[in-house]
Amino acid sequence: KSRARVGVRTAEPQDIPSLYACQSAAYGGMSKEELCSERLLTLQQAAFPEGILLAEIDGALVGYATCLIVQLDDDSPWYSYDEITGGGAFTTHNPSGDTLYGADIAVHPEFRGRGVAGALYKARKKLLRRLNLKRMVAGGRIPGYETVADQMDPEEYVQRVIAGELVDPSLNAHLRAGYQVKGVHHGYLDDEQSLNYATFLEYENPHFRPNRHRISVTPLKRRHSKIRLCLAQSNFDSIQSFDQLTQKIAWTLEKAEAQGAQLLVFPDRWNPLTEASPERSLEFSDFLKAQCTSHGLYLAVERYPSQPGERGSFVLYGPSGEIGSQARIHHSGRHQTKAPAELMLFDTSLGRIGMLAGYDVVFPEVVRRLTLAGMQLLLCPIATRERNEYLRLRYCAKARAVENSIFVGLCNKGDSTSYGESAVFTPCDFGFPDSGNAARAGTFGPTSVVHDLDLGSLEAVREIGVITPLKDRRLDICGLDAQVKVRTVKS
C-alpha cells in the first residue's frame, strides 16, 4: 500500500492550536518557555499569512514551516533569532525586503522520514520564486554538537557533517534542501543541545530577477546590547569589624547604583578581616544577596572565607540571588594543586560573563575556551603589589581581549600596598579605541572605573573586523582538546 501524499497549505487563524501542538511534539526536549506560544504564533500568522506553511497527511497536521520577509545588512548579515523576528512576533516583516527568512521548520516525530520536510522546503522555494526574492536564509540548529563538544569546536563539527563524516538531523535536512553554510555563530537561540551555536544558512534564488525588485529599503538594524560596568578600586585598609565591612560594601553598591551601573566588580583579596567561619561566610552571602536585590545590581566578588587563610572562589550575584561561582584554576609555586575545577560561563540578562583570577588570565587557552562557549565579557579581579606583577597581568588581559574579540575588566585594589590601576580593555579594531583601552582608573588610590560596553559590537568585529582571529585560526594547529567542559549557568 502506498503512503499517503503530503499536502502543504497556508495556515488560518483556527489552525494555531494544532500548530502549537505539533511544535510541542517536534521539540519534546524543550520547556514550555522555550517554545513559541500560541500568542506569538497568532501574531506571526497575522503579520505574514503566506509565510506560515502547514504540512498535512490525511487531514492531520504533521509539520510546519514559518518564514517572513526581511532586508538584511550585508555588511553584518548575522542576527539572533530575537533580532530578526522581533522577539518571535514577526514585527520585523518587511514586504519590500529581498530576503525570505526561515524562522522555523519542524516535523511531528511520528511522521519523520516520510518526505514532510522536503515538501515544506519545496513550498518555501515556490514562495521564494513567486515573490521574486533574492535569497532564503536561516539560522540552523546543530543539536548533535552537544555529544561531541568536548572533542571539537562547532566549526569542525559542521565541516565534518558537510563532509559526511558525522550526521546531524537538523543540518543534514538543510543541506539536502540546498542550503549553503555561510558561517557558524553563537547566541542565535537558547538551545542547550546546540550549546547556543547555529549555522548561518543561505539558499540563493536561481530565478531571481533584479530588474523586478527595485525598491530600496533600509536594512534591519542590530540592537545595541549596552551594559554599564563599574570596577570598584576600593580601599578596605581601615576596616576592623564585620559591621564596618558590610557598611562599606553597602555604601559602594549605593554609589554604583547612583552612577547607573548594572554590574559591579570588587578586586581580589579585598577582605582585610582575619575572622573566618562557615557561619560568617553564609551570613555575608545572605547580606550580598539582599543588597543586590535591593539595588537591582549584578556583583562579582571573592567569596568570604569559611576558614582562616582560605582563598575563596569568585561569586556572581544578581538581583535574584547567587548565580554561581568560579574557582581559581591555576596556582603557582607551592600552592599548585590538581584539585577538580570547572570552567564556568554565566549567561545573564546583561550578557555572557566569565570570571577568572589574575593568574588564570595568563593562560590563553582558558579564555579561548570560554570565548568559544560564548563569553562576551571577562571579569578579572586582581591584587598586585609590584610593578612587574601588575604589568604582567595587564599585558595578558589586553592580549586576551584582542585575540578573542571580547571585553576584559581588570579590577585592582586601591589600598596602600597595591600597585596598578583598574582598566577596561577592548579589541583593537575600527569602532574601538585604537589603544585597546576603553577606560582606566588613572590613579593607584581608591576610586572606580565606570564604562558603557556595547556587547553587540563584538559580534560585528568577529565577523567583519580588519582581523578575525576566531575565524582565521588553524584548527589543525590551534585545536583545543580538554577533558573538562565549560559549564553554562543561566540566571
Foldseek 3Di string as FASTA:
>chain_A
DDFFDKDKDFDDLVCLVLQQVQQCQQPVVDDPVQDQDSVLVNLQCVLPRLQWMFIDGPRHTFKIWGKAAFAADPLQRDDALCLCCVHSNNPRHDLLHQEIETNDITGRPVCPPPCRLVVNLVSVLVVNLVSLHFKYKYWWAQLQCQVCVLPFFPVVVLVCVVVVNDPGPTSVSVVVSPKDFPDKDAQRGPDVSRLRITTIIMGGNPNHDVVVNPDDDDHRDHDWQKFKEKFWQEAPPPDDDPVVVLVVVLVVLVVCLVVVHAEYEYAFPRDPDQDAAPVVQVVVQVSVLVSQLVSQHKYWYFGGHRHGPDRGWIWIAGNRGTQDTFHADADDDPPGDPPDGAFEWEQEPSGIEGEYELVVLLDLVSLQQSLSSPHAEYEYHYEAQDPVSQVSSVVSQQVSQALSQHKYWYHYHAYPRGDDKTFIFGHCFPPAPVVRTQWIDPDSHTDMIIDMDGSVVSSSCCPNTPDNNVVPDDCVPPPDNDPHHYDYTYD
